[in-house]
Amino acid sequence: MKKLLKFLLVWVACTTLCAGCNNIENNDIDLVEQPFEITPILIGKGELQGREGISKQNMVITENKDWEELKATMNLVNNVTEKFTENTIDFSKYQLIAVFEEVKNNGGWSIDITKITEYKDKIVILITNLKKGNLTSVIDQPFHIVKIPASKKEMVFENN
């Protein structure tokens, strides 16, 4: 009888400890799966002349070939990329997010990546026009390019 009682006490103690361990592990997993803000690294921001042939679009660049093609297109009118903070990207570690506004008939516009949030299954990029234009009579096309850690998650662009 004493052996049975000892066995039951040990079993209850082990079960309680194991249940506690599972709760701790599950809480850790929940913390990992909480959304968090990614701080992007600025590559380039400004205006194109509007004659480069780039349409309004949002891009995720994960390969050097695509990056080189985009830079060549952006440089068709002026050498815009010479002002970039980086021109060589290690795509094994990083990817680029590039957003282009439509060509505007007046200057003073911007397109801004204002927030990037990583969720369990996706990354959400919030885009805002912080400057609303009508400041000059120059035709331009705003762009914003940032670098973030490489990810296989779906990229979702949202306009604010």
C-alpha atoms as a PDB file:
ATOM      1  CA  MET A   1       0.000   0.000   0.000  1.00  0.00           C
ATOM      2  CA  LYS A   2       2.866   2.355   0.850  1.00  0.00           C
ATOM      3  CA  LYS A   3       4.417   1.662  -2.545  1.00  0.00           C
ATOM      4  CA  LEU A   4       1.139   2.491  -4.289  1.00  0.00           C
ATOM      5  CA  LEU A   5       0.772   5.719  -2.298  1.00  0.00           C
ATOM      6  CA  LYS A   6       4.385   6.732  -3.099  1.00  0.00           C
ATOM      7  CA  PHE A   7       3.817   5.927  -6.762  1.00  0.00           C
ATOM      8  CA  LEU A   8       0.641   8.051  -6.842  1.00  0.00           C
ATOM      9  CA  LEU A   9       2.379  10.982  -5.118  1.00  0.00           C
ATOM     10  CA  VAL A  10       5.315  10.819  -7.523  1.00  0.00           C
ATOM     11  CA  TRP A  11       2.963  10.529 -10.491  1.00  0.00           C
ATOM     12  CA  VAL A  12       0.888  13.551  -9.361  1.00  0.00           C
ATOM     13  CA  ALA A  13       4.065  15.590  -8.779  1.00  0.00           C
ATOM     14  CA  CYS A  14       5.480  14.680 -12.196  1.00  0.00           C
ATOM     15  CA  THR A  15       2.200  15.378 -13.953  1.00  0.00           C
ATOM     16  CA  THR A  16       1.942  18.774 -12.277  1.00  0.00           C
ATOM     17  CA  LEU A  17       5.526  19.658 -13.166  1.00  0.00           C
ATOM     18  CA  CYS A  18       5.099  18.547 -16.762  1.00  0.00           C
ATOM     19  CA  ALA A  19       1.864  20.518 -17.116  1.00  0.00           C
ATOM     20  CA  GLY A  20       3.686  23.583 -15.828  1.00  0.00           C
ATOM     21  CA  CYS A  21       6.495  23.044 -18.330  1.00  0.00           C
ATOM     22  CA  ASN A  22       4.015  22.811 -21.192  1.00  0.00           C
ATOM     23  CA  ASN A  23       2.394  26.081 -20.152  1.00  0.00           C
ATOM     24  CA  ILE A  24       5.759  27.827 -20.094  1.00  0.00           C
ATOM     25  CA  GLU A  25       6.656  26.461 -23.525  1.00  0.00           C
ATOM     26  CA  ASN A  26       3.267  27.438 -24.964  1.00  0.00           C
ATOM     27  CA  ASN A  27       3.605  30.939 -23.547  1.00  0.00           C
ATOM     28  CA  ASP A  28       7.049  31.254 -25.127  1.00  0.00           C
ATOM     29  CA  ILE A  29       5.614  30.202 -28.482  1.00  0.00           C
ATOM     30  CA  ASP A  30       2.804  32.739 -28.120  1.00  0.00           C
ATOM     31  CA  LEU A  31       5.351  35.475 -27.430  1.00  0.00           C
ATOM     32  CA  VAL A  32       7.335  34.540 -30.525  1.00  0.00           C
ATOM     33  CA  GLU A  33       4.202  34.627 -32.640  1.00  0.00           C
ATOM     34  CA  GLN A  34       3.184  38.131 -31.515  1.00  0.00           C
ATOM     35  CA  PRO A  35       3.519  40.761 -34.238  1.00  0.00           C
ATOM     36  CA  PHE A  36       6.543  43.023 -33.995  1.00  0.00           C
ATOM     37  CA  GLU A  37       7.737  46.058 -35.873  1.00  0.00           C
ATOM     38  CA  ILE A  38      10.692  45.700 -38.229  1.00  0.00           C
ATOM     39  CA  THR A  39      13.029  48.690 -38.419  1.00  0.00           C
ATOM     40  CA  PRO A  40      13.976  49.029 -42.088  1.00  0.00           C
ATOM     41  CA  ILE A  41      17.287  50.386 -43.360  1.00  0.00           C
ATOM     42  CA  LEU A  42      16.917  53.228 -45.861  1.00  0.00           C
ATOM     43  CA  ILE A  43      18.459  52.541 -49.260  1.00  0.00           C
ATOM     44  CA  GLY A  44      16.999  55.437 -51.237  1.00  0.00           C
ATOM     45  CA  LYS A  45      14.148  57.929 -51.229  1.00  0.00           C
ATOM     46  CA  GLY A  46      13.301  60.746 -53.583  1.00  0.00           C
ATOM     47  CA  GLU A  47      11.797  61.498 -56.950  1.00  0.00           C
ATOM     48  CA  LEU A  48      12.330  60.222 -60.453  1.00  0.00           C
ATOM     49  CA  GLN A  49      11.739  62.441 -63.489  1.00  0.00           C
ATOM     50  CA  GLY A  50       8.673  60.433 -64.527  1.00  0.00           C
ATOM     51  CA  ARG A  51      10.190  59.412 -67.869  1.00  0.00           C
ATOM     52  CA  GLU A  52      11.933  56.242 -66.648  1.00  0.00           C
ATOM     53  CA  GLY A  53       8.956  54.017 -67.476  1.00  0.00           C
ATOM     54  CA  ILE A  54       8.317  52.718 -63.974  1.00  0.00           C
ATOM     55  CA  SER A  55       4.619  52.397 -63.194  1.00  0.00           C
ATOM     56  CA  LYS A  56       3.034  52.896 -59.785  1.00  0.00           C
ATOM     57  CA  GLN A  57       3.910  49.681 -57.977  1.00  0.00           C
ATOM     58  CA  ASN A  58       5.101  47.940 -54.850  1.00  0.00           C
ATOM     59  CA  MET A  59       8.027  45.561 -55.209  1.00  0.00           C
ATOM     60  CA  VAL A  60       9.797  42.931 -53.149  1.00  0.00           C
ATOM     61  CA  ILE A  61      13.301  42.394 -54.505  1.00  0.00           C
ATOM     62  CA  THR A  62      15.010  39.163 -53.469  1.00  0.00           C
ATOM     63  CA  GLU A  63      17.633  38.691 -56.202  1.00  0.00           C
ATOM     64  CA  ASN A  64      20.579  40.739 -57.419  1.00  0.00           C
ATOM     65  CA  LYS A  65      19.453  40.428 -61.055  1.00  0.00           C
ATOM     66  CA  ASP A  66      16.163  42.193 -60.309  1.00  0.00           C
ATOM     67  CA  TRP A  67      17.962  44.850 -58.228  1.00  0.00           C
ATOM     68  CA  GLU A  68      20.428  45.606 -61.035  1.00  0.00           C
ATOM     69  CA  GLU A  69      17.583  45.853 -63.574  1.00  0.00           C
ATOM     70  CA  LEU A  70      15.633  48.247 -61.344  1.00  0.00           C
ATOM     71  CA  LYS A  71      18.678  50.466 -60.760  1.00  0.00           C
ATOM     72  CA  ALA A  72      19.392  50.590 -64.505  1.00  0.00           C
ATOM     73  CA  THR A  73      15.794  51.632 -65.213  1.00  0.00           C
ATOM     74  CA  MET A  74      15.843  54.239 -62.450  1.00  0.00           C
ATOM     75  CA  ASN A  75      19.054  55.696 -63.942  1.00  0.00           C
ATOM     76  CA  LEU A  76      17.685  56.117 -67.491  1.00  0.00           C
ATOM     77  CA  VAL A  77      17.220  59.898 -67.062  1.00  0.00           C
ATOM     78  CA  ASN A  78      19.496  60.789 -64.125  1.00  0.00           C
ATOM     79  CA  ASN A  79      21.934  58.781 -62.025  1.00  0.00           C
ATOM     80  CA  VAL A  80      19.517  58.499 -59.094  1.00  0.00           C
ATOM     81  CA  THR A  81      21.168  55.485 -57.492  1.00  0.00           C
ATOM     82  CA  GLU A  82      24.483  57.263 -56.844  1.00  0.00           C
ATOM     83  CA  LYS A  83      22.788  58.818 -53.795  1.00  0.00           C
ATOM     84  CA  PHE A  84      21.659  55.448 -52.392  1.00  0.00           C
ATOM     85  CA  THR A  85      23.094  54.442 -49.035  1.00  0.00           C
ATOM     86  CA  GLU A  86      23.961  51.014 -50.511  1.00  0.00           C
ATOM     87  CA  ASN A  87      24.068  49.653 -54.025  1.00  0.00           C
ATOM     88  CA  THR A  88      25.353  46.155 -53.249  1.00  0.00           C
ATOM     89  CA  ILE A  89      22.920  44.016 -51.234  1.00  0.00           C
ATOM     90  CA  ASP A  90      23.585  40.587 -49.712  1.00  0.00           C
ATOM     91  CA  PHE A  91      20.343  38.900 -50.766  1.00  0.00           C
ATOM     92  CA  SER A  92      21.152  35.814 -48.699  1.00  0.00           C
ATOM     93  CA  LYS A  93      20.526  37.988 -45.621  1.00  0.00           C
ATOM     94  CA  TYR A  94      18.294  40.834 -46.845  1.00  0.00           C
ATOM     95  CA  GLN A  95      15.525  41.734 -49.237  1.00  0.00           C
ATOM     96  CA  LEU A  96      14.408  45.100 -50.543  1.00  0.00           C
ATOM     97  CA  ILE A  97      11.006  46.739 -50.414  1.00  0.00           C
ATOM     98  CA  ALA A  98      10.548  49.360 -53.152  1.00  0.00           C
ATOM     99  CA  VAL A  99       7.442  51.490 -53.616  1.00  0.00           C
ATOM    100  CA  PHE A 100       6.790  53.849 -56.506  1.00  0.00           C
ATOM    101  CA  GLU A 101       4.000  56.425 -56.703  1.00  0.00           C
ATOM    102  CA  GLU A 102       2.388  57.336 -59.994  1.00  0.00           C
ATOM    103  CA  VAL A 103       3.927  60.145 -62.028  1.00  0.00           C
ATOM    104  CA  LYS A 104       2.673  63.457 -60.600  1.00  0.00           C
ATOM    105  CA  ASN A 105       2.076  66.630 -62.635  1.00  0.00           C
ATOM    106  CA  ASN A 106       3.482  68.780 -59.841  1.00  0.00           C
ATOM    107  CA  GLY A 107       6.243  68.394 -57.272  1.00  0.00           C
ATOM    108  CA  GLY A 108       6.259  68.062 -53.533  1.00  0.00           C
ATOM    109  CA  TRP A 109       4.773  64.579 -53.299  1.00  0.00           C
ATOM    110  CA  SER A 110       6.219  61.689 -51.364  1.00  0.00           C
ATOM    111  CA  ILE A 111       5.557  58.008 -50.957  1.00  0.00           C
ATOM    112  CA  ASP A 112       6.588  56.710 -47.579  1.00  0.00           C
ATOM    113  CA  ILE A 113       7.003  53.284 -46.029  1.00  0.00           C
ATOM    114  CA  THR A 114       5.843  54.293 -42.558  1.00  0.00           C
ATOM    115  CA  LYS A 115       5.661  50.941 -40.774  1.00  0.00           C
ATOM    116  CA  ILE A 116       6.632  47.316 -41.370  1.00  0.00           C
ATOM    117  CA  THR A 117       5.103  44.719 -39.076  1.00  0.00           C
ATOM    118  CA  GLU A 118       5.990  41.030 -39.048  1.00  0.00           C
ATOM    119  CA  TYR A 119       3.264  38.572 -38.132  1.00  0.00           C
ATOM    120  CA  LYS A 120       3.390  34.796 -37.787  1.00  0.00           C
ATOM    121  CA  ASP A 121       2.585  34.218 -41.463  1.00  0.00           C
ATOM    122  CA  LYS A 122       3.098  37.569 -43.240  1.00  0.00           C
ATOM    123  CA  ILE A 123       4.829  40.928 -43.248  1.00  0.00           C
ATOM    124  CA  VAL A 124       2.646  44.014 -43.621  1.00  0.00           C
ATOM    125  CA  ILE A 125       4.121  47.150 -45.196  1.00  0.00           C
ATOM    126  CA  LEU A 126       2.178  50.363 -44.496  1.00  0.00           C
ATOM    127  CA  ILE A 127       2.474  53.017 -47.218  1.00  0.00           C
ATOM    128  CA  THR A 128       1.490  56.663 -46.745  1.00  0.00           C
ATOM    129  CA  ASN A 129       1.808  59.879 -48.751  1.00  0.00           C
ATOM    130  CA  LEU A 130       3.208  62.192 -46.076  1.00  0.00           C
ATOM    131  CA  LYS A 131       3.641  65.053 -48.577  1.00  0.00           C
ATOM    132  CA  LYS A 132       0.617  65.851 -50.744  1.00  0.00           C
ATOM    133  CA  GLY A 133       2.232  67.891 -53.531  1.00  0.00           C
ATOM    134  CA  ASN A 134       1.286  71.078 -55.386  1.00  0.00           C
ATOM    135  CA  LEU A 135       4.524  72.753 -54.265  1.00  0.00           C
ATOM    136  CA  THR A 136       6.254  73.097 -57.650  1.00  0.00           C
ATOM    137  CA  SER A 137       5.387  72.777 -61.327  1.00  0.00           C
ATOM    138  CA  VAL A 138       7.940  69.986 -61.837  1.00  0.00           C
ATOM    139  CA  ILE A 139       6.743  66.557 -62.963  1.00  0.00           C
ATOM    140  CA  ASP A 140       8.071  63.855 -60.664  1.00  0.00           C
ATOM    141  CA  GLN A 141       7.548  60.316 -59.431  1.00  0.00           C
ATOM    142  CA  PRO A 142       8.235  59.634 -55.742  1.00  0.00           C
ATOM    143  CA  PHE A 143       9.894  56.402 -54.614  1.00  0.00           C
ATOM    144  CA  HIS A 144      11.067  54.822 -51.353  1.00  0.00           C
ATOM    145  CA  ILE A 145      13.375  51.785 -51.072  1.00  0.00           C
ATOM    146  CA  VAL A 146      14.313  50.039 -47.817  1.00  0.00           C
ATOM    147  CA  LYS A 147      16.186  46.905 -46.771  1.00  0.00           C
ATOM    148  CA  ILE A 148      14.813  44.354 -44.287  1.00  0.00           C
ATOM    149  CA  PRO A 149      15.943  40.885 -43.197  1.00  0.00           C
ATOM    150  CA  ALA A 150      15.235  38.172 -45.785  1.00  0.00           C
ATOM    151  CA  SER A 151      11.981  36.287 -45.276  1.00  0.00           C
ATOM    152  CA  LYS A 152       9.866  33.761 -47.146  1.00  0.00           C
ATOM    153  CA  LYS A 153       6.680  35.206 -45.622  1.00  0.00           C
ATOM    154  CA  GLU A 154       3.976  36.778 -47.752  1.00  0.00           C
ATOM    155  CA  MET A 155       4.406  40.547 -48.188  1.00  0.00           C
ATOM    156  CA  VAL A 156       1.176  42.538 -47.842  1.00  0.00           C
ATOM    157  CA  PHE A 157       1.119  46.214 -48.843  1.00  0.00           C
ATOM    158  CA  GLU A 158      -1.494  48.465 -47.217  1.00  0.00           C
ATOM    159  CA  ASN A 159      -2.160  52.100 -48.077  1.00  0.00           C
ATOM    160  CA  ASN A 160      -2.903  54.498 -45.276  1.00  0.00           C
END
